[in-house]
Amino acid sequence: MNKRAAVWMAAAWAVPALALAGCGGTSGGSTSSSAGAPASSSAPASSSAPASSSAPASSQAAAGVTLKTSNAGGQTIVVDGKSMTVYVYTRDNKGTTASACVGGCAPLWPAVTTTGTPTLQGVTGTIGSIKTADGKDQVTINGMPLYYYAKDTAAGDTKGQGVAGVWYVVGANGNMIQAALMAGTSGY
């Protein structure tokens, strides 16, 4: 194979790989609305207040993020104090010390961060943290880092469920829920 063909083939395979690494894809899941406090950028804050624009707020940490449970699509899932859904990424390894969501993935799937001990309401999974690339404490459950989905713009949104076959909501016990969430059965 000549050099030009090899470069072209590498580029052809790199584009889909980068899209998946950036965690793009279509999403499913049910949605419902609830008002939240405004925040400042395009991804949810660790307090997970939705932004006043159509995109969630930045991942700026708030002291001791709250993690609680709620009903979404017939499942009991973990959300934060503002009822923003949190997710796990199957490319992370249990007990990891660094997130696998880097580069183009991070803006779409911002880390759930905290500056204090998280407050738990109904969550029975083991809570911990790892350091993000910028030195923040990313919350983990049962050793898996937690994330928001930037396209979840309102409390109760679960648009990230099953995205690219690697992003899933979390049950109260900290285990990933891969089942599809039934539309119209949100507890919000």
Protein backbone atom coordinates (compact mmCIF):
# COMPACT_ATOMS: atom_id res chain seq x y z
CA MET A 1 0.00 0.00 0.00
CA ASN A 2 1.43 3.40 -0.88
CA LYS A 3 1.93 6.11 1.71
CA ARG A 4 -0.93 8.32 0.43
CA ALA A 5 -3.44 5.43 0.63
CA ALA A 6 -2.26 4.57 4.14
CA VAL A 7 -2.73 8.17 5.30
CA TRP A 8 -6.18 8.34 3.72
CA MET A 9 -7.26 5.05 5.37
CA ALA A 10 -5.97 6.23 8.75
CA ALA A 11 -7.92 9.48 8.40
CA ALA A 12 -11.05 7.61 7.33
CA TRP A 13 -10.92 5.48 10.49
CA ALA A 14 -9.93 8.38 12.75
CA VAL A 15 -13.06 10.47 12.11
CA PRO A 16 -15.56 7.89 13.47
CA ALA A 17 -13.19 7.05 16.32
CA LEU A 18 -12.94 10.71 17.30
CA ALA A 19 -16.71 11.12 17.13
CA LEU A 20 -17.17 8.16 19.45
CA ALA A 21 -14.40 9.38 21.75
CA GLY A 22 -16.20 12.70 21.86
CA CYS A 23 -19.20 10.66 22.87
CA GLY A 24 -21.46 11.95 20.14
CA GLY A 25 -24.42 10.14 18.78
CA THR A 26 -28.13 10.25 19.05
CA SER A 27 -29.75 10.00 22.39
CA GLY A 28 -32.88 8.54 23.78
CA GLY A 29 -34.53 8.78 27.12
CA SER A 30 -37.42 10.59 28.59
CA THR A 31 -37.55 14.18 29.65
CA SER A 32 -39.52 16.35 31.94
CA SER A 33 -39.09 19.85 33.23
CA SER A 34 -38.47 21.58 36.48
CA ALA A 35 -37.04 25.01 37.10
CA GLY A 36 -33.49 25.33 38.36
CA ALA A 37 -31.13 28.06 39.39
CA PRO A 38 -29.20 29.70 36.58
CA ALA A 39 -25.51 29.05 36.19
CA SER A 40 -22.77 30.27 33.94
CA SER A 41 -21.67 28.22 30.91
CA SER A 42 -22.57 25.33 28.67
CA ALA A 43 -22.32 22.28 30.97
CA PRO A 44 -23.95 21.45 34.32
CA ALA A 45 -22.42 22.62 37.57
CA SER A 46 -21.70 20.05 40.21
CA SER A 47 -24.65 21.51 42.00
CA SER A 48 -26.23 20.81 38.61
CA ALA A 49 -28.29 23.87 38.29
CA PRO A 50 -29.47 24.14 34.72
CA ALA A 51 -28.32 27.19 32.83
CA SER A 52 -30.80 29.83 31.92
CA SER A 53 -29.91 29.22 28.28
CA SER A 54 -30.71 26.00 26.48
CA ALA A 55 -27.46 24.35 27.62
CA PRO A 56 -26.56 23.24 31.16
CA ALA A 57 -24.17 25.24 33.34
CA SER A 58 -20.41 24.75 33.78
CA SER A 59 -18.88 22.09 35.97
CA GLN A 60 -17.78 24.58 38.61
CA ALA A 61 -17.77 22.76 41.93
CA ALA A 62 -20.11 23.65 44.74
CA ALA A 63 -19.36 22.64 48.29
CA GLY A 64 -20.57 19.11 48.90
CA VAL A 65 -22.74 18.27 45.90
CA THR A 66 -25.98 16.49 46.82
CA LEU A 67 -26.74 13.11 45.29
CA LYS A 68 -30.25 11.77 45.67
CA THR A 69 -32.60 9.35 43.98
CA SER A 70 -35.56 9.93 41.74
CA ASN A 71 -37.79 7.93 39.44
CA ALA A 72 -37.11 8.19 35.72
CA GLY A 73 -38.58 5.93 33.10
CA GLY A 74 -39.67 3.34 35.64
CA GLN A 75 -36.23 3.16 37.27
CA THR A 76 -34.85 4.64 40.50
CA ILE A 77 -31.80 6.63 39.40
CA VAL A 78 -29.22 8.95 40.95
CA VAL A 79 -29.57 12.69 40.32
CA ASP A 80 -27.97 15.68 41.94
CA GLY A 81 -29.55 18.23 44.26
CA LYS A 82 -31.19 20.06 41.34
CA SER A 83 -32.52 16.76 39.92
CA MET A 84 -30.03 16.72 37.04
CA THR A 85 -29.29 13.15 35.98
CA VAL A 86 -25.79 11.73 36.45
CA TYR A 87 -24.21 9.06 34.26
CA VAL A 88 -21.35 6.59 34.17
CA TYR A 89 -19.12 5.91 31.15
CA THR A 90 -18.42 2.27 30.35
CA ARG A 91 -14.93 3.14 29.11
CA ASP A 92 -13.95 4.06 32.66
CA ASN A 93 -12.69 1.19 34.78
CA LYS A 94 -14.01 0.60 38.29
CA GLY A 95 -11.50 2.06 40.73
CA THR A 96 -9.88 4.25 38.07
CA THR A 97 -7.79 7.21 39.16
CA ALA A 98 -8.42 9.19 35.97
CA SER A 99 -11.44 9.73 33.74
CA ALA A 100 -11.47 8.14 30.30
CA CYS A 101 -13.62 11.05 29.06
CA VAL A 102 -10.98 13.43 27.73
CA GLY A 103 -10.57 15.77 24.77
CA GLY A 104 -13.80 16.34 22.85
CA CYS A 105 -15.70 14.10 25.26
CA ALA A 106 -15.27 16.35 28.31
CA PRO A 107 -17.37 19.35 27.17
CA LEU A 108 -20.29 17.09 26.22
CA TRP A 109 -19.97 14.99 29.38
CA PRO A 110 -18.74 17.31 32.17
CA ALA A 111 -17.57 15.73 35.40
CA VAL A 112 -19.75 15.87 38.51
CA THR A 113 -17.38 17.72 40.84
CA THR A 114 -17.45 18.74 44.48
CA THR A 115 -15.37 20.74 46.94
CA GLY A 116 -16.67 18.88 49.97
CA THR A 117 -18.18 15.61 51.03
CA PRO A 118 -21.28 14.86 48.96
CA THR A 119 -24.61 14.75 50.78
CA LEU A 120 -26.52 11.54 50.08
CA GLN A 121 -30.29 11.11 50.07
CA GLY A 122 -31.35 7.54 49.29
CA VAL A 123 -28.07 6.70 47.54
CA THR A 124 -26.52 3.52 48.94
CA GLY A 125 -23.57 3.11 46.55
CA THR A 126 -20.06 3.85 47.81
CA ILE A 127 -19.13 7.47 47.13
CA GLY A 128 -15.55 8.61 46.53
CA SER A 129 -13.64 10.90 44.21
CA ILE A 130 -10.80 11.10 41.71
CA LYS A 131 -8.90 14.16 40.50
CA THR A 132 -9.80 15.74 37.18
CA ALA A 133 -7.08 16.96 34.81
CA ASP A 134 -7.51 20.46 36.28
CA GLY A 135 -7.27 19.23 39.90
CA LYS A 136 -10.96 19.21 40.86
CA ASP A 137 -12.58 16.36 42.78
CA GLN A 138 -14.78 14.30 40.46
CA VAL A 139 -17.39 12.30 42.36
CA THR A 140 -17.38 8.51 41.93
CA ILE A 141 -19.95 5.90 42.84
CA ASN A 142 -18.79 2.33 43.42
CA GLY A 143 -15.45 3.42 41.92
CA MET A 144 -16.95 4.79 38.68
CA PRO A 145 -16.65 8.54 37.85
CA LEU A 146 -19.93 10.45 37.48
CA TYR A 147 -20.81 12.82 34.64
CA TYR A 148 -23.57 15.11 33.43
CA TYR A 149 -24.78 15.20 29.84
CA ALA A 150 -24.68 18.69 28.29
CA LYS A 151 -27.90 18.02 26.35
CA ASP A 152 -29.82 17.41 29.60
CA THR A 153 -31.00 20.98 30.02
CA ALA A 154 -33.80 20.55 32.54
CA ALA A 155 -34.25 18.63 35.76
CA GLY A 156 -35.40 15.12 34.95
CA ASP A 157 -33.87 14.95 31.47
CA THR A 158 -32.29 11.56 30.69
CA LYS A 159 -31.23 12.26 27.11
CA GLY A 160 -27.83 10.70 27.78
CA GLN A 161 -29.18 7.22 28.53
CA GLY A 162 -27.55 4.75 26.14
CA VAL A 163 -25.73 7.38 24.05
CA ALA A 164 -23.22 5.64 21.77
CA GLY A 165 -23.83 2.46 23.77
CA VAL A 166 -21.42 3.65 26.47
CA TRP A 167 -23.28 6.17 28.69
CA TYR A 168 -25.82 5.05 31.31
CA VAL A 169 -27.76 6.28 34.32
CA VAL A 170 -26.95 4.90 37.76
CA GLY A 171 -29.20 3.16 40.28
CA ALA A 172 -29.30 4.06 43.99
CA ASN A 173 -26.93 1.17 44.73
CA GLY A 174 -24.36 2.64 42.33
CA ASN A 175 -24.85 0.06 39.60
CA MET A 176 -25.24 1.12 35.99
CA ILE A 177 -28.74 0.77 34.51
CA GLN A 178 -28.61 -0.19 30.84
CA ALA A 179 -32.34 -0.70 30.36
CA ALA A 180 -34.18 1.78 28.18
CA LEU A 181 -36.12 4.30 30.22
CA MET A 182 -39.82 4.31 29.45
CA ALA A 183 -41.10 7.65 28.19
CA GLY A 184 -43.65 9.48 30.27
CA THR A 185 -42.85 7.77 33.58
CA SER A 186 -40.58 10.37 35.14
CA GLY A 187 -40.99 11.18 38.81
CA TYR A 188 -40.20 14.88 38.28
